[in-house]
PDB file of N, CA and C in Angstrom:
ATOM      1  N   UNK A   1       3.567  -0.117  -7.546  1.00  0.00           N
ATOM      2  CA  UNK A   1       4.739   0.700  -7.383  1.00  0.00           C
ATOM      3  C   UNK A   1       5.604   0.118  -6.270  1.00  0.00           C
ATOM      4  N   UNK A   2       6.876   0.332  -6.371  1.00  0.00           N
ATOM      5  CA  UNK A   2       7.844  -0.233  -5.435  1.00  0.00           C
ATOM      6  C   UNK A   2       8.519   0.905  -4.685  1.00  0.00           C
ATOM      7  N   UNK A   3       8.699   0.717  -3.365  1.00  0.00           N
ATOM      8  CA  UNK A   3       9.350   1.731  -2.532  1.00  0.00           C
ATOM      9  C   UNK A   3      10.309   1.044  -1.572  1.00  0.00           C
ATOM     10  N   UNK A   4      11.394   1.730  -1.225  1.00  0.00           N
ATOM     11  CA  UNK A   4      12.392   1.167  -0.312  1.00  0.00           C
ATOM     12  C   UNK A   4      12.028   1.390   1.152  1.00  0.00           C
ATOM     13  N   UNK A   5      11.318   2.495   1.470  1.00  0.00           N
ATOM     14  CA  UNK A   5      10.979   2.789   2.865  1.00  0.00           C
ATOM     15  C   UNK A   5       9.470   2.858   3.054  1.00  0.00           C
ATOM     16  N   UNK A   6       9.029   2.686   4.281  1.00  0.00           N
ATOM     17  CA  UNK A   6       7.605   2.756   4.603  1.00  0.00           C
ATOM     18  C   UNK A   6       7.064   4.163   4.368  1.00  0.00           C
ATOM     19  N   UNK A   7       7.876   5.177   4.641  1.00  0.00           N
ATOM     20  CA  UNK A   7       7.433   6.558   4.436  1.00  0.00           C
ATOM     21  C   UNK A   7       7.174   6.836   2.956  1.00  0.00           C
ATOM     22  N   UNK A   8       8.065   6.363   2.109  1.00  0.00           N
ATOM     23  CA  UNK A   8       7.901   6.541   0.668  1.00  0.00           C
ATOM     24  C   UNK A   8       6.659   5.795   0.173  1.00  0.00           C
ATOM     25  N   UNK A   9       6.449   4.582   0.675  1.00  0.00           N
ATOM     26  CA  UNK A   9       5.279   3.789   0.289  1.00  0.00           C
ATOM     27  C   UNK A   9       3.987   4.466   0.736  1.00  0.00           C
ATOM     28  N   UNK A  10       3.969   5.010   1.953  1.00  0.00           N
ATOM     29  CA  UNK A  10       2.774   5.690   2.443  1.00  0.00           C
ATOM     30  C   UNK A  10       2.479   6.933   1.613  1.00  0.00           C
ATOM     31  N   UNK A  11       3.499   7.660   1.234  1.00  0.00           N
ATOM     32  CA  UNK A  11       3.316   8.846   0.408  1.00  0.00           C
ATOM     33  C   UNK A  11       2.743   8.477  -0.958  1.00  0.00           C
ATOM     34  N   UNK A  12       3.279   7.446  -1.578  1.00  0.00           N
ATOM     35  CA  UNK A  12       2.781   6.986  -2.874  1.00  0.00           C
ATOM     36  C   UNK A  12       1.334   6.506  -2.771  1.00  0.00           C
ATOM     37  N   UNK A  13       1.031   5.733  -1.734  1.00  0.00           N
ATOM     38  CA  UNK A  13      -0.318   5.200  -1.563  1.00  0.00           C
ATOM     39  C   UNK A  13      -1.327   6.315  -1.305  1.00  0.00           C
ATOM     40  N   UNK A  14      -0.959   7.286  -0.487  1.00  0.00           N
ATOM     41  CA  UNK A  14      -1.875   8.379  -0.186  1.00  0.00           C
ATOM     42  C   UNK A  14      -2.167   9.204  -1.436  1.00  0.00           C
ATOM     43  N   UNK A  15      -1.132   9.532  -2.197  1.00  0.00           N
ATOM     44  CA  UNK A  15      -1.350  10.335  -3.405  1.00  0.00           C
ATOM     45  C   UNK A  15      -2.195   9.572  -4.422  1.00  0.00           C
ATOM     46  N   UNK A  16      -1.981   8.263  -4.535  1.00  0.00           N
ATOM     47  CA  UNK A  16      -2.772   7.468  -5.461  1.00  0.00           C
ATOM     48  C   UNK A  16      -4.218   7.354  -4.987  1.00  0.00           C
ATOM     49  N   UNK A  17      -4.438   7.246  -3.676  1.00  0.00           N
ATOM     50  CA  UNK A  17      -5.799   7.097  -3.157  1.00  0.00           C
ATOM     51  C   UNK A  17      -6.617   8.377  -3.304  1.00  0.00           C
ATOM     52  N   UNK A  18      -5.943   9.510  -3.443  1.00  0.00           N
ATOM     53  CA  UNK A  18      -6.649  10.779  -3.612  1.00  0.00           C
ATOM     54  C   UNK A  18      -7.036  11.050  -5.071  1.00  0.00           C
ATOM     55  N   UNK A  19      -6.531  10.256  -6.000  1.00  0.00           N
ATOM     56  CA  UNK A  19      -6.892  10.419  -7.406  1.00  0.00           C
ATOM     57  C   UNK A  19      -8.354  10.021  -7.605  1.00  0.00           C
ATOM     58  N   UNK A  20      -9.047  10.750  -8.449  1.00  0.00           N
ATOM     59  CA  UNK A  20     -10.485  10.505  -8.633  1.00  0.00           C
ATOM     60  C   UNK A  20     -10.775   9.142  -9.259  1.00  0.00           C
ATOM     61  N   UNK A  21      -9.875   8.612 -10.071  1.00  0.00           N
ATOM     62  CA  UNK A  21     -10.164   7.312 -10.684  1.00  0.00           C
ATOM     63  C   UNK A  21     -10.060   6.153  -9.690  1.00  0.00           C
ATOM     64  N   UNK A  22      -9.454   6.386  -8.521  1.00  0.00           N
ATOM     65  CA  UNK A  22      -9.358   5.348  -7.495  1.00  0.00           C
ATOM     66  C   UNK A  22     -10.264   5.632  -6.292  1.00  0.00           C
ATOM     67  N   UNK A  23     -11.269   6.471  -6.474  1.00  0.00           N
ATOM     68  CA  UNK A  23     -12.180   6.823  -5.381  1.00  0.00           C
ATOM     69  C   UNK A  23     -12.851   5.558  -4.838  1.00  0.00           C
ATOM     70  N   UNK A  24     -12.878   5.442  -3.525  1.00  0.00           N
ATOM     71  CA  UNK A  24     -13.493   4.327  -2.796  1.00  0.00           C
ATOM     72  C   UNK A  24     -12.825   2.981  -3.050  1.00  0.00           C
ATOM     73  N   UNK A  25     -11.591   2.974  -3.562  1.00  0.00           N
ATOM     74  CA  UNK A  25     -10.818   1.745  -3.712  1.00  0.00           C
ATOM     75  C   UNK A  25      -9.690   1.746  -2.689  1.00  0.00           C
ATOM     76  N   UNK A  26      -9.384   0.574  -2.142  1.00  0.00           N
ATOM     77  CA  UNK A  26      -8.290   0.460  -1.182  1.00  0.00           C
ATOM     78  C   UNK A  26      -6.966   0.363  -1.923  1.00  0.00           C
ATOM     79  N   UNK A  27      -5.996   1.170  -1.511  1.00  0.00           N
ATOM     80  CA  UNK A  27      -4.636   1.120  -2.045  1.00  0.00           C
ATOM     81  C   UNK A  27      -3.775   0.491  -0.949  1.00  0.00           C
ATOM     82  N   UNK A  28      -3.348  -0.737  -1.148  1.00  0.00           N
ATOM     83  CA  UNK A  28      -2.645  -1.514  -0.131  1.00  0.00           C
ATOM     84  C   UNK A  28      -1.148  -1.230  -0.118  1.00  0.00           C
ATOM     85  N   UNK A  29      -0.581  -1.269   1.084  1.00  0.00           N
ATOM     86  CA  UNK A  29       0.872  -1.207   1.254  1.00  0.00           C
ATOM     87  C   UNK A  29       1.299  -2.577   1.759  1.00  0.00           C
ATOM     88  N   UNK A  30       2.129  -3.244   0.971  1.00  0.00           N
ATOM     89  CA  UNK A  30       2.540  -4.614   1.272  1.00  0.00           C
ATOM     90  C   UNK A  30       4.060  -4.670   1.362  1.00  0.00           C
ATOM     91  N   UNK A  31       4.574  -5.325   2.396  1.00  0.00           N
ATOM     92  CA  UNK A  31       6.010  -5.515   2.538  1.00  0.00           C
ATOM     93  C   UNK A  31       6.362  -6.938   2.121  1.00  0.00           C
ATOM     94  N   UNK A  32       7.363  -7.075   1.268  1.00  0.00           N
ATOM     95  CA  UNK A  32       7.820  -8.383   0.814  1.00  0.00           C
ATOM     96  C   UNK A  32       9.151  -8.704   1.493  1.00  0.00           C
ATOM     97  N   UNK A  33       9.158  -9.741   2.303  1.00  0.00           N
ATOM     98  CA  UNK A  33      10.376 -10.148   3.011  1.00  0.00           C
ATOM     99  C   UNK A  33      11.466 -10.620   2.057  1.00  0.00           C
ATOM    100  N   UNK A  34      11.066 -11.219   0.952  1.00  0.00           N
ATOM    101  CA  UNK A  34      12.035 -11.778   0.006  1.00  0.00           C
ATOM    102  C   UNK A  34      12.849 -10.682  -0.689  1.00  0.00           C
ATOM    103  N   UNK A  35      12.189  -9.608  -1.130  1.00  0.00           N
ATOM    104  CA  UNK A  35      12.875  -8.539  -1.846  1.00  0.00           C
ATOM    105  C   UNK A  35      13.238  -7.363  -0.949  1.00  0.00           C
ATOM    106  N   UNK A  36      12.652  -7.308   0.248  1.00  0.00           N
ATOM    107  CA  UNK A  36      12.843  -6.226   1.218  1.00  0.00           C
ATOM    108  C   UNK A  36      12.381  -4.876   0.667  1.00  0.00           C
ATOM    109  N   UNK A  37      11.321  -4.887  -0.139  1.00  0.00           N
ATOM    110  CA  UNK A  37      10.711  -3.673  -0.657  1.00  0.00           C
ATOM    111  C   UNK A  37       9.256  -3.593  -0.211  1.00  0.00           C
ATOM    112  N   UNK A  38       8.730  -2.380  -0.189  1.00  0.00           N
ATOM    113  CA  UNK A  38       7.317  -2.142   0.041  1.00  0.00           C
ATOM    114  C   UNK A  38       6.657  -1.965  -1.321  1.00  0.00           C
ATOM    115  N   UNK A  39       5.473  -2.514  -1.481  1.00  0.00           N
ATOM    116  CA  UNK A  39       4.745  -2.393  -2.741  1.00  0.00           C
ATOM    117  C   UNK A  39       3.410  -1.714  -2.488  1.00  0.00           C
ATOM    118  N   UNK A  40       3.028  -0.834  -3.401  1.00  0.00           N
ATOM    119  CA  UNK A  40       1.767  -0.113  -3.329  1.00  0.00           C
ATOM    120  C   UNK A  40       0.929  -0.592  -4.498  1.00  0.00           C
ATOM    121  N   UNK A  41      -0.247  -1.176  -4.191  1.00  0.00           N
ATOM    122  CA  UNK A  41      -1.060  -1.758  -5.251  1.00  0.00           C
ATOM    123  C   UNK A  41      -2.523  -1.797  -4.817  1.00  0.00           C
ATOM    124  N   UNK A  42      -3.406  -1.859  -5.790  1.00  0.00           N
ATOM    125  CA  UNK A  42      -4.832  -1.995  -5.492  1.00  0.00           C
ATOM    126  C   UNK A  42      -5.184  -3.442  -5.198  1.00  0.00           C
ATOM    127  N   UNK A  43      -4.368  -4.378  -5.631  1.00  0.00           N
ATOM    128  CA  UNK A  43      -4.610  -5.803  -5.395  1.00  0.00           C
ATOM    129  C   UNK A  43      -4.048  -6.173  -4.028  1.00  0.00           C
ATOM    130  N   UNK A  44      -4.904  -6.572  -3.105  1.00  0.00           N
ATOM    131  CA  UNK A  44      -4.471  -6.890  -1.756  1.00  0.00           C
ATOM    132  C   UNK A  44      -4.061  -8.332  -1.568  1.00  0.00           C
ATOM    133  N   UNK A  45      -3.815  -9.063  -2.663  1.00  0.00           N
ATOM    134  CA  UNK A  45      -3.431 -10.464  -2.567  1.00  0.00           C
ATOM    135  C   UNK A  45      -2.095 -10.588  -1.840  1.00  0.00           C
ATOM    136  N   UNK A  46      -2.097 -11.325  -0.757  1.00  0.00           N
ATOM    137  CA  UNK A  46      -0.899 -11.485   0.070  1.00  0.00           C
ATOM    138  C   UNK A  46      -0.395 -12.923  -0.065  1.00  0.00           C
ATOM    139  N   UNK A  47       0.886 -13.059  -0.362  1.00  0.00           N
ATOM    140  CA  UNK A  47       1.503 -14.387  -0.398  1.00  0.00           C
ATOM    141  C   UNK A  47       2.154 -14.662   0.946  1.00  0.00           C
ATOM    142  N   UNK A  48       2.668 -15.840   1.145  1.00  0.00           N
ATOM    143  CA  UNK A  48       3.237 -16.233   2.429  1.00  0.00           C
ATOM    144  C   UNK A  48       4.413 -15.368   2.859  1.00  0.00           C
ATOM    145  N   UNK A  49       5.201 -14.862   1.923  1.00  0.00           N
ATOM    146  CA  UNK A  49       6.387 -14.084   2.273  1.00  0.00           C
ATOM    147  C   UNK A  49       6.108 -12.586   2.314  1.00  0.00           C
ATOM    148  N   UNK A  50       4.831 -12.187   2.224  1.00  0.00           N
ATOM    149  CA  UNK A  50       4.492 -10.777   2.245  1.00  0.00           C
ATOM    150  C   UNK A  50       3.647 -10.444   3.462  1.00  0.00           C
ATOM    151  N   UNK A  51       3.672  -9.185   3.862  1.00  0.00           N
ATOM    152  CA  UNK A  51       2.943  -8.734   5.040  1.00  0.00           C
ATOM    153  C   UNK A  51       2.191  -7.450   4.693  1.00  0.00           C
ATOM    154  N   UNK A  52       0.876  -7.443   4.946  1.00  0.00           N
ATOM    155  CA  UNK A  52       0.081  -6.247   4.713  1.00  0.00           C
ATOM    156  C   UNK A  52       0.353  -5.252   5.832  1.00  0.00           C
ATOM    157  N   UNK A  53       0.800  -4.050   5.476  1.00  0.00           N
ATOM    158  CA  UNK A  53       1.116  -3.002   6.445  1.00  0.00           C
ATOM    159  C   UNK A  53      -0.121  -2.179   6.753  1.00  0.00           C
ATOM    160  N   UNK A  54      -0.861  -1.832   5.741  1.00  0.00           N
ATOM    161  CA  UNK A  54      -2.063  -1.028   5.893  1.00  0.00           C
ATOM    162  C   UNK A  54      -2.569  -0.617   4.528  1.00  0.00           C
ATOM    163  N   UNK A  55      -3.584   0.240   4.501  1.00  0.00           N
ATOM    164  CA  UNK A  55      -4.129   0.675   3.224  1.00  0.00           C
ATOM    165  C   UNK A  55      -4.754   2.054   3.345  1.00  0.00           C
ATOM    166  N   UNK A  56      -4.871   2.730   2.209  1.00  0.00           N
ATOM    167  CA  UNK A  56      -5.488   4.045   2.114  1.00  0.00           C
ATOM    168  C   UNK A  56      -6.774   3.926   1.306  1.00  0.00           C
ATOM    169  N   UNK A  57      -7.828   4.590   1.757  1.00  0.00           N
ATOM    170  CA  UNK A  57      -9.062   4.742   0.994  1.00  0.00           C
ATOM    171  C   UNK A  57      -9.426   6.209   1.062  1.00  0.00           C
ATOM    172  N   UNK A  58      -9.477   6.859  -0.094  1.00  0.00           N
ATOM    173  CA  UNK A  58      -9.793   8.286  -0.182  1.00  0.00           C
ATOM    174  C   UNK A  58      -8.883   9.145   0.709  1.00  0.00           C
ATOM    175  N   UNK A  59      -7.601   8.790   0.781  1.00  0.00           N
ATOM    176  CA  UNK A  59      -6.635   9.555   1.534  1.00  0.00           C
ATOM    177  C   UNK A  59      -6.600   9.271   3.027  1.00  0.00           C
ATOM    178  N   UNK A  60      -7.409   8.308   3.508  1.00  0.00           N
ATOM    179  CA  UNK A  60      -7.460   7.983   4.935  1.00  0.00           C
ATOM    180  C   UNK A  60      -6.734   6.650   5.144  1.00  0.00           C
ATOM    181  N   UNK A  61      -5.735   6.660   6.027  1.00  0.00           N
ATOM    182  CA  UNK A  61      -4.904   5.476   6.290  1.00  0.00           C
ATOM    183  C   UNK A  61      -5.523   4.595   7.357  1.00  0.00           C
ATOM    184  N   UNK A  62      -5.498   3.274   7.119  1.00  0.00           N
ATOM    185  CA  UNK A  62      -5.938   2.290   8.096  1.00  0.00           C
ATOM    186  C   UNK A  62      -4.818   1.285   8.258  1.00  0.00           C
ATOM    187  N   UNK A  63      -4.295   1.120   9.467  1.00  0.00           N
ATOM    188  CA  UNK A  63      -3.196   0.177   9.721  1.00  0.00           C
ATOM    189  C   UNK A  63      -3.757  -1.217   9.985  1.00  0.00           C
ATOM    190  N   UNK A  64      -3.046  -2.233   9.526  1.00  0.00           N
ATOM    191  CA  UNK A  64      -3.390  -3.617   9.836  1.00  0.00           C
ATOM    192  C   UNK A  64      -2.780  -3.972  11.185  1.00  0.00           C
ATOM    193  N   UNK A  65      -3.493  -4.723  11.958  1.00  0.00           N
ATOM    194  CA  UNK A  65      -2.979  -5.116  13.280  1.00  0.00           C
ATOM    195  C   UNK A  65      -2.312  -6.456  13.226  1.00  0.00           C
TER     196      UNK A  65
END
């Protein structure tokens, strides 16, 4: 999923992480410098132009340092 703001991305990631089919899976929030959008996905693959912001597991947020 694609979001324009970090708040929108966090909301999408949290709601997806609370779904029973994604239990115990990390839902990553990734920022892409090229498109200037935040992406919410289960695949944490990061390319050179992207930055991992954090992730949700079972509704609990963990920030990347």
